[in-house]
Amino acid sequence: MGQNTAQDLKTVPLADFHRRMGAKMVPFAGYEMPVQYSAGIIEEHRHTREKAGLFDVSHMGQAWLHGTEAAKALEKLVPGDVQALHRGHGRYSMITNDAGGIVDDLIVTSWGDKLFIVVNASRKHIDLPLIATAATGLAELEILEDRALIALQGPKASAVMSAIVPATAKMAFMSALEAEIDGVRCHITRSGYTGEDGYEISMPVGNAEAIAESLCDHDDVMPIGLGARDTLRLEAGLCLYGNDLDEETSPIEAGLAWTISKRRREAADFPGAGRIIGELTEGPKRKRVGILPEGRAPARDGTVIHAPGADVIGTVTSGGFGPSVGGPIAMGYVASDHASAATALELAVRKSMVPATVVKMPFQPHRYFKG
């Protein structure tokens, strides 16, 4: 989960709330974060799939990019079509480097004359200076150090949220609005990273604990830690930066070609466009795939992938037990000629070679609300 000592760790605004709720706290991305509560990871996972889970994602980086040229400025760093975003709508994209690797993935929401940006906690010290530099002369970056971020995820999330803010009921996936919760102005997006319907709520740090407690007072809501967050996003086939994405991996290898619009492909005006457009045309040498191991032993990240009885063809980047699947699941990168669904693999788990099969992702269907 991390290499920081206790003295190095930062504290999220909800730290006291987590401890009161019985959380086990661990280092993660430079912060002391809840990995699980007393119910345990399996129950937290199942509760989110069946009802609604509350996740603290306040460690992530939040920022406004102000100015009518903000979208143009951000497109200097990302291959996503930011300028095409309508007011109050968001998009998943990524910052790429000149070699076509991924510096970070992010969510950007347009408000016309400004963008709301959320980046990963472990990369914000890299991302935000890059954005500030790219924006020079075009837009102004405002880093939001005084905001907390909570995600409410699961099939009951809409009922819980719409009882507080009725307008959230009709929000489509990746749309946004600003509204008051308990008299506090909040930025609400219908998004998340579990594969479930849900919301992310940005609010002033000083109000985060009261809002979190108010949401958890609802019978359908319970707090969820990093452990279940990871099993949920793995079952949803979603990438984790640092595991499935890094500065060597291209968006095309990662299966994220869908994030690059026709306009951006034709313009080829983003960092690493030469490699990325080349891989779109000719295909990448390796691809991210879903993997279903046989038996009960999970294949963790770093597990070496072989062709049956033969050579090494790749590495697992995320793996573990999928509570909703009811068995081990994994994703990883394999040579492209071994990436088709139903291809047989072998995984070097401990001292054994475990048979496995390439499968289509997600492992659990996404349940986003499309309106």
Protein backbone atom coordinates (compact mmCIF):
# COMPACT_ATOMS: atom_id res chain seq x y z
CA MET A 1 0.00 0.00 0.00
CA GLY A 2 2.92 2.39 0.41
CA GLN A 3 6.43 2.97 1.72
CA ASN A 4 5.91 6.04 3.88
CA THR A 5 6.68 6.09 7.59
CA ALA A 6 4.02 7.29 10.01
CA GLN A 7 5.88 10.61 10.35
CA ASP A 8 5.71 11.21 6.59
CA LEU A 9 2.01 10.55 6.18
CA LYS A 10 -0.55 13.24 5.50
CA THR A 11 -3.97 13.17 7.13
CA VAL A 12 -7.26 13.29 5.24
CA PRO A 13 -10.06 15.51 6.62
CA LEU A 14 -12.11 12.44 7.55
CA ALA A 15 -9.35 10.70 9.56
CA ASP A 16 -11.18 11.06 12.90
CA PHE A 17 -14.43 9.90 11.27
CA HIS A 18 -12.69 6.76 9.98
CA ARG A 19 -11.28 5.91 13.40
CA ARG A 20 -14.66 6.41 15.09
CA MET A 21 -16.19 4.04 12.52
CA GLY A 22 -13.61 1.39 13.42
CA ALA A 23 -11.32 1.64 10.39
CA LYS A 24 -7.92 0.01 10.15
CA MET A 25 -5.66 2.78 8.86
CA VAL A 26 -2.71 2.12 6.53
CA PRO A 27 -0.28 4.19 4.46
CA PHE A 28 -1.45 4.79 0.89
CA ALA A 29 -0.17 7.30 -1.66
CA GLY A 30 1.41 9.38 1.10
CA TYR A 31 -1.74 9.46 3.27
CA GLU A 32 -3.02 7.51 6.23
CA MET A 33 -6.17 5.93 4.78
CA PRO A 34 -8.81 3.37 5.85
CA VAL A 35 -8.15 -0.04 4.29
CA GLN A 36 -11.18 -1.71 5.89
CA TYR A 37 -13.71 -1.39 8.69
CA SER A 38 -14.96 -4.00 11.14
CA ALA A 39 -17.28 -5.61 8.56
CA GLY A 40 -14.28 -6.64 6.49
CA ILE A 41 -13.41 -6.32 2.81
CA ILE A 42 -15.77 -9.04 1.53
CA GLU A 43 -18.82 -7.61 3.30
CA GLU A 44 -17.91 -4.04 2.30
CA HIS A 45 -17.62 -5.15 -1.32
CA ARG A 46 -20.96 -6.97 -1.28
CA HIS A 47 -22.70 -4.08 0.49
CA THR A 48 -21.56 -1.70 -2.26
CA ARG A 49 -22.79 -4.05 -4.99
CA GLU A 50 -26.19 -4.43 -3.24
CA LYS A 51 -26.78 -1.07 -1.52
CA ALA A 52 -24.40 1.92 -1.22
CA GLY A 53 -20.85 2.40 0.02
CA LEU A 54 -19.24 5.66 1.13
CA PHE A 55 -15.60 6.07 0.08
CA ASP A 56 -13.18 8.77 1.20
CA VAL A 57 -11.17 9.88 -1.85
CA SER A 58 -10.05 13.18 -0.35
CA HIS A 59 -6.41 12.26 -0.93
CA MET A 60 -6.91 12.78 -4.68
CA GLY A 61 -5.94 16.08 -6.26
CA GLN A 62 -8.69 18.58 -7.08
CA ALA A 63 -8.27 21.78 -9.07
CA TRP A 64 -10.04 24.39 -11.14
CA LEU A 65 -8.53 25.51 -14.40
CA HIS A 66 -9.98 28.97 -15.00
CA GLY A 67 -10.37 30.74 -18.32
CA THR A 68 -12.16 30.54 -21.63
CA GLU A 69 -9.05 28.83 -23.08
CA ALA A 70 -8.84 26.24 -20.28
CA ALA A 71 -9.89 23.32 -22.51
CA LYS A 72 -7.35 24.33 -25.13
CA ALA A 73 -4.68 24.50 -22.44
CA LEU A 74 -5.43 21.04 -21.04
CA GLU A 75 -5.44 19.52 -24.52
CA LYS A 76 -1.72 20.38 -24.70
CA LEU A 77 -1.26 17.49 -22.23
CA VAL A 78 -4.09 15.00 -22.90
CA PRO A 79 -5.39 13.18 -26.01
CA GLY A 80 -9.02 13.52 -24.90
CA ASP A 81 -11.42 15.89 -26.65
CA VAL A 82 -11.82 18.42 -23.85
CA GLN A 83 -12.97 21.23 -26.14
CA ALA A 84 -16.00 19.13 -27.19
CA LEU A 85 -17.27 18.79 -23.63
CA HIS A 86 -20.62 20.43 -22.96
CA ARG A 87 -21.12 22.52 -19.85
CA GLY A 88 -21.78 20.27 -16.85
CA HIS A 89 -20.32 17.12 -18.44
CA GLY A 90 -17.13 15.26 -17.71
CA ARG A 91 -14.70 12.93 -19.42
CA TYR A 92 -12.06 10.36 -18.48
CA SER A 93 -8.69 11.08 -20.06
CA MET A 94 -4.98 10.91 -19.31
CA ILE A 95 -1.85 13.00 -19.39
CA THR A 96 0.64 11.47 -21.81
CA ASN A 97 4.38 12.00 -22.16
CA ASP A 98 6.44 12.51 -25.31
CA ALA A 99 7.13 8.76 -25.48
CA GLY A 100 3.40 7.97 -25.54
CA GLY A 101 3.33 6.67 -21.95
CA ILE A 102 0.72 7.65 -19.38
CA VAL A 103 1.77 10.21 -16.76
CA ASP A 104 -1.61 9.91 -15.01
CA ASP A 105 -5.28 9.35 -15.69
CA LEU A 106 -7.83 11.98 -14.68
CA ILE A 107 -11.43 13.15 -14.80
CA VAL A 108 -12.17 16.58 -16.27
CA THR A 109 -15.56 18.34 -16.08
CA SER A 110 -16.38 21.41 -18.12
CA TRP A 111 -18.17 24.47 -16.77
CA GLY A 112 -17.67 26.51 -19.93
CA ASP A 113 -15.20 29.11 -18.71
CA LYS A 114 -13.45 26.72 -16.33
CA LEU A 115 -12.64 23.01 -15.86
CA PHE A 116 -12.89 20.90 -12.71
CA ILE A 117 -10.04 18.38 -12.65
CA VAL A 118 -9.47 15.36 -10.38
CA VAL A 119 -6.12 13.52 -10.51
CA ASN A 120 -4.59 10.62 -8.58
CA ALA A 121 -3.09 11.29 -5.15
CA SER A 122 0.21 9.60 -5.98
CA ARG A 123 0.70 11.74 -9.11
CA LYS A 124 -0.72 15.14 -8.23
CA HIS A 125 2.72 16.51 -7.39
CA ILE A 126 3.64 15.77 -11.02
CA ASP A 127 0.33 16.53 -12.75
CA LEU A 128 -0.52 19.90 -11.27
CA PRO A 129 2.80 21.62 -12.15
CA LEU A 130 2.49 20.18 -15.68
CA ILE A 131 -1.02 21.62 -15.99
CA ALA A 132 0.06 25.00 -14.59
CA THR A 133 2.90 25.19 -17.11
CA ALA A 134 0.69 24.14 -20.04
CA ALA A 135 -1.85 26.78 -19.01
CA THR A 136 0.62 29.65 -19.04
CA GLY A 137 -0.91 32.50 -21.00
CA LEU A 138 -4.16 30.59 -21.58
CA ALA A 139 -5.70 29.78 -18.21
CA GLU A 140 -5.04 29.89 -14.48
CA LEU A 141 -4.76 26.82 -12.25
CA GLU A 142 -6.36 26.94 -8.79
CA ILE A 143 -5.30 23.95 -6.67
CA LEU A 144 -8.02 23.07 -4.15
CA GLU A 145 -6.24 22.16 -0.91
CA ASP A 146 -9.33 23.04 1.13
CA ARG A 147 -11.74 20.53 -0.43
CA ALA A 148 -12.64 16.97 0.60
CA LEU A 149 -13.96 14.37 -1.86
CA ILE A 150 -16.43 11.60 -1.02
CA ALA A 151 -17.75 8.91 -3.37
CA LEU A 152 -21.15 7.29 -2.80
CA GLN A 153 -21.39 4.14 -4.90
CA GLY A 154 -23.94 1.39 -5.40
CA PRO A 155 -27.51 0.75 -6.63
CA LYS A 156 -29.02 2.63 -3.66
CA ALA A 157 -26.79 5.69 -4.13
CA SER A 158 -29.30 7.54 -6.28
CA ALA A 159 -32.14 7.09 -3.78
CA VAL A 160 -29.92 8.32 -0.95
CA MET A 161 -28.61 11.33 -2.89
CA SER A 162 -31.92 12.34 -4.46
CA ALA A 163 -33.55 12.46 -1.00
CA ILE A 164 -31.00 15.20 -0.18
CA VAL A 165 -30.60 16.83 -3.61
CA PRO A 166 -33.60 15.86 -5.80
CA ALA A 167 -31.90 17.06 -9.00
CA THR A 168 -29.30 14.29 -8.72
CA ALA A 169 -31.89 11.62 -9.59
CA LYS A 170 -31.91 12.51 -13.29
CA MET A 171 -28.20 13.17 -13.69
CA ALA A 172 -26.66 10.96 -16.39
CA PHE A 173 -23.29 9.24 -15.98
CA MET A 174 -20.42 11.79 -16.13
CA SER A 175 -22.70 14.81 -15.69
CA ALA A 176 -22.23 17.38 -12.92
CA LEU A 177 -24.08 20.00 -10.94
CA GLU A 178 -23.48 22.32 -8.01
CA ALA A 179 -25.98 22.13 -5.15
CA GLU A 180 -26.26 22.54 -1.39
CA ILE A 181 -26.07 19.63 1.05
CA ASP A 182 -27.02 20.66 4.59
CA GLY A 183 -26.53 24.27 3.52
CA VAL A 184 -23.04 23.61 2.12
CA ARG A 185 -22.29 24.31 -1.54
CA CYS A 186 -20.97 21.08 -3.12
CA HIS A 187 -19.74 20.03 -6.56
CA ILE A 188 -21.47 16.75 -7.46
CA THR A 189 -20.63 14.47 -10.39
CA ARG A 190 -22.39 11.23 -11.30
CA SER A 191 -19.24 9.19 -11.51
CA GLY A 192 -17.02 6.85 -9.56
CA TYR A 193 -14.56 4.02 -9.98
CA THR A 194 -16.39 0.88 -8.86
CA GLY A 195 -18.48 0.06 -11.94
CA GLU A 196 -21.60 0.93 -9.94
CA ASP A 197 -23.92 3.88 -10.31
CA GLY A 198 -22.98 6.65 -7.92
CA TYR A 199 -21.65 10.10 -7.23
CA GLU A 200 -18.50 11.95 -6.25
CA ILE A 201 -19.10 14.94 -3.97
CA SER A 202 -16.53 17.69 -3.52
CA MET A 203 -17.06 19.88 -0.45
CA PRO A 204 -15.19 22.23 1.88
CA VAL A 205 -12.88 20.34 4.27
CA GLY A 206 -14.63 21.82 7.32
CA ASN A 207 -17.99 20.30 6.32
CA ALA A 208 -16.79 16.86 5.20
CA GLU A 209 -17.21 15.03 8.49
CA ALA A 210 -20.79 16.24 9.07
CA ILE A 211 -21.83 15.32 5.53
CA ALA A 212 -20.14 11.89 5.74
CA GLU A 213 -21.86 11.16 9.06
CA SER A 214 -25.20 12.31 7.67
CA LEU A 215 -24.86 9.98 4.67
CA CYS A 216 -23.79 7.05 6.86
CA ASP A 217 -26.83 7.56 9.08
CA HIS A 218 -28.86 6.18 6.16
CA ASP A 219 -29.63 2.46 6.59
CA ASP A 220 -28.36 1.66 3.08
CA VAL A 221 -24.98 3.38 3.46
CA MET A 222 -21.84 2.06 5.14
CA PRO A 223 -18.23 3.29 4.97
CA ILE A 224 -15.95 1.32 2.67
CA GLY A 225 -12.16 1.08 2.75
CA LEU A 226 -9.41 0.84 0.16
CA GLY A 227 -9.49 -2.97 0.19
CA ALA A 228 -13.03 -3.23 -1.16
CA ARG A 229 -12.48 -0.25 -3.44
CA ASP A 230 -9.71 -2.27 -5.10
CA THR A 231 -11.77 -5.47 -5.54
CA LEU A 232 -14.69 -3.44 -6.93
CA ARG A 233 -12.58 -1.59 -9.51
CA LEU A 234 -10.79 -4.83 -10.49
CA GLU A 235 -14.11 -6.60 -11.12
CA ALA A 236 -15.14 -3.53 -13.15
CA GLY A 237 -11.98 -3.90 -15.27
CA LEU A 238 -10.80 -0.38 -14.41
CA CYS A 239 -7.11 0.52 -14.41
CA LEU A 240 -5.18 1.50 -11.27
CA TYR A 241 -2.36 3.95 -11.87
CA GLY A 242 0.96 2.48 -10.73
CA ASN A 243 -0.29 -1.06 -11.38
CA ASP A 244 -2.02 -1.13 -14.77
CA LEU A 245 -0.86 2.26 -16.06
CA ASP A 246 2.56 3.91 -15.95
CA GLU A 247 4.88 6.13 -17.95
CA GLU A 248 5.95 3.21 -20.19
CA THR A 249 2.42 2.07 -21.03
CA SER A 250 0.45 3.69 -23.84
CA PRO A 251 -3.32 4.29 -23.86
CA ILE A 252 -3.63 1.86 -26.77
CA GLU A 253 -1.84 -0.95 -24.92
CA ALA A 254 -4.13 -0.27 -21.97
CA GLY A 255 -7.28 -0.62 -24.06
CA LEU A 256 -8.13 3.07 -23.72
CA ALA A 257 -8.30 3.98 -27.42
CA TRP A 258 -11.97 4.87 -26.87
CA THR A 259 -10.86 7.96 -24.94
CA ILE A 260 -9.29 9.52 -28.06
CA SER A 261 -11.75 11.19 -30.43
CA LYS A 262 -11.53 11.36 -34.23
CA ARG A 263 -10.61 15.05 -34.03
CA ARG A 264 -7.67 14.44 -31.71
CA ARG A 265 -6.48 11.45 -33.75
CA GLU A 266 -6.50 13.52 -36.93
CA ALA A 267 -4.82 16.51 -35.26
CA ALA A 268 -2.20 14.29 -33.54
CA ASP A 269 -1.32 17.31 -31.44
CA PHE A 270 -0.80 15.75 -28.00
CA PRO A 271 2.34 14.38 -26.29
CA GLY A 272 3.35 10.99 -27.63
CA ALA A 273 1.03 11.23 -30.64
CA GLY A 274 3.56 9.55 -32.94
CA ARG A 275 3.60 6.29 -30.96
CA ILE A 276 -0.09 6.41 -30.02
CA ILE A 277 -1.36 7.05 -33.56
CA GLY A 278 1.06 4.40 -34.84
CA GLU A 279 -0.35 1.84 -32.41
CA LEU A 280 -3.90 2.79 -33.39
CA THR A 281 -2.99 2.06 -37.01
CA GLU A 282 -0.76 -0.97 -36.68
CA GLY A 283 -1.78 -2.36 -33.29
CA PRO A 284 0.34 -2.41 -30.12
CA LYS A 285 2.89 -5.12 -29.38
CA ARG A 286 1.13 -5.95 -26.11
CA LYS A 287 -2.37 -5.50 -24.74
CA ARG A 288 -4.12 -5.35 -21.37
CA VAL A 289 -6.41 -8.37 -20.94
CA GLY A 290 -8.71 -9.90 -18.37
CA ILE A 291 -7.49 -13.20 -16.94
CA LEU A 292 -9.48 -15.94 -15.23
CA PRO A 293 -7.18 -18.30 -13.30
CA GLU A 294 -8.32 -21.85 -12.57
CA GLY A 295 -8.64 -22.98 -8.94
CA ARG A 296 -8.74 -20.71 -5.90
CA ALA A 297 -5.20 -19.30 -5.70
CA PRO A 298 -5.14 -15.58 -6.63
CA ALA A 299 -2.48 -14.30 -9.02
CA ARG A 300 -1.20 -11.02 -7.56
CA ASP A 301 0.43 -8.16 -9.44
CA GLY A 302 3.88 -9.13 -10.65
CA THR A 303 2.88 -12.73 -11.44
CA VAL A 304 4.64 -13.86 -14.62
CA ILE A 305 2.40 -15.00 -17.49
CA HIS A 306 3.49 -17.82 -19.82
CA ALA A 307 2.10 -19.35 -22.98
CA PRO A 308 1.15 -22.95 -21.97
CA GLY A 309 4.39 -24.87 -21.43
CA ALA A 310 6.38 -22.18 -23.19
CA ASP A 311 7.80 -18.70 -23.05
CA VAL A 312 7.06 -15.70 -20.87
CA ILE A 313 4.51 -13.50 -22.64
CA GLY A 314 3.52 -10.98 -19.99
CA THR A 315 2.88 -9.93 -16.39
CA VAL A 316 -0.16 -9.61 -14.15
CA THR A 317 -0.66 -5.98 -13.08
CA SER A 318 -3.74 -6.37 -10.83
CA GLY A 319 -5.06 -9.55 -9.32
CA GLY A 320 -6.92 -11.00 -6.37
CA PHE A 321 -10.17 -12.56 -5.24
CA GLY A 322 -13.34 -11.16 -6.80
CA PRO A 323 -16.10 -11.41 -4.19
CA SER A 324 -18.92 -10.98 -6.73
CA VAL A 325 -17.23 -13.31 -9.23
CA GLY A 326 -16.64 -15.85 -6.47
CA GLY A 327 -13.06 -16.65 -7.40
CA PRO A 328 -9.69 -15.27 -8.44
CA ILE A 329 -9.51 -12.71 -11.26
CA ALA A 330 -6.68 -10.68 -12.72
CA MET A 331 -5.68 -8.29 -15.45
CA GLY A 332 -2.31 -7.93 -17.06
CA TYR A 333 -0.35 -7.29 -20.24
CA VAL A 334 0.41 -10.04 -22.75
CA ALA A 335 1.95 -10.10 -26.20
CA SER A 336 -0.77 -9.11 -28.65
CA ASP A 337 -0.86 -12.51 -30.40
CA HIS A 338 -1.95 -14.03 -27.05
CA ALA A 339 -4.61 -11.40 -26.25
CA SER A 340 -7.73 -12.87 -27.86
CA ALA A 341 -10.55 -14.08 -25.61
CA ALA A 342 -10.35 -17.81 -24.74
CA THR A 343 -6.56 -17.90 -25.24
CA ALA A 344 -4.96 -20.35 -22.78
CA LEU A 345 -2.28 -19.02 -20.43
CA GLU A 346 -0.22 -20.27 -17.49
CA LEU A 347 0.49 -18.15 -14.41
CA ALA A 348 3.56 -18.68 -12.25
CA VAL A 349 1.86 -18.59 -8.83
CA ARG A 350 4.29 -19.43 -6.05
CA LYS A 351 6.00 -22.66 -7.19
CA SER A 352 3.17 -23.86 -9.46
CA MET A 353 2.02 -23.10 -12.97
CA VAL A 354 -1.70 -22.29 -12.76
CA PRO A 355 -3.80 -22.67 -15.95
CA ALA A 356 -5.75 -19.53 -16.88
CA THR A 357 -7.77 -18.10 -19.74
CA VAL A 358 -8.00 -14.68 -21.37
CA VAL A 359 -11.53 -13.31 -20.87
CA LYS A 360 -13.37 -10.17 -21.87
CA MET A 361 -13.70 -7.45 -19.25
CA PRO A 362 -15.40 -6.24 -17.15
CA PHE A 363 -15.72 -9.21 -14.83
CA GLN A 364 -18.93 -7.63 -13.50
CA PRO A 365 -21.19 -5.50 -15.72
CA HIS A 366 -21.03 -1.73 -15.30
CA ARG A 367 -24.25 -0.27 -13.95
CA TYR A 368 -23.79 3.40 -14.79
CA PHE A 369 -26.99 5.46 -15.12
CA LYS A 370 -27.23 6.65 -18.72
CA GLY A 371 -30.47 8.61 -18.28
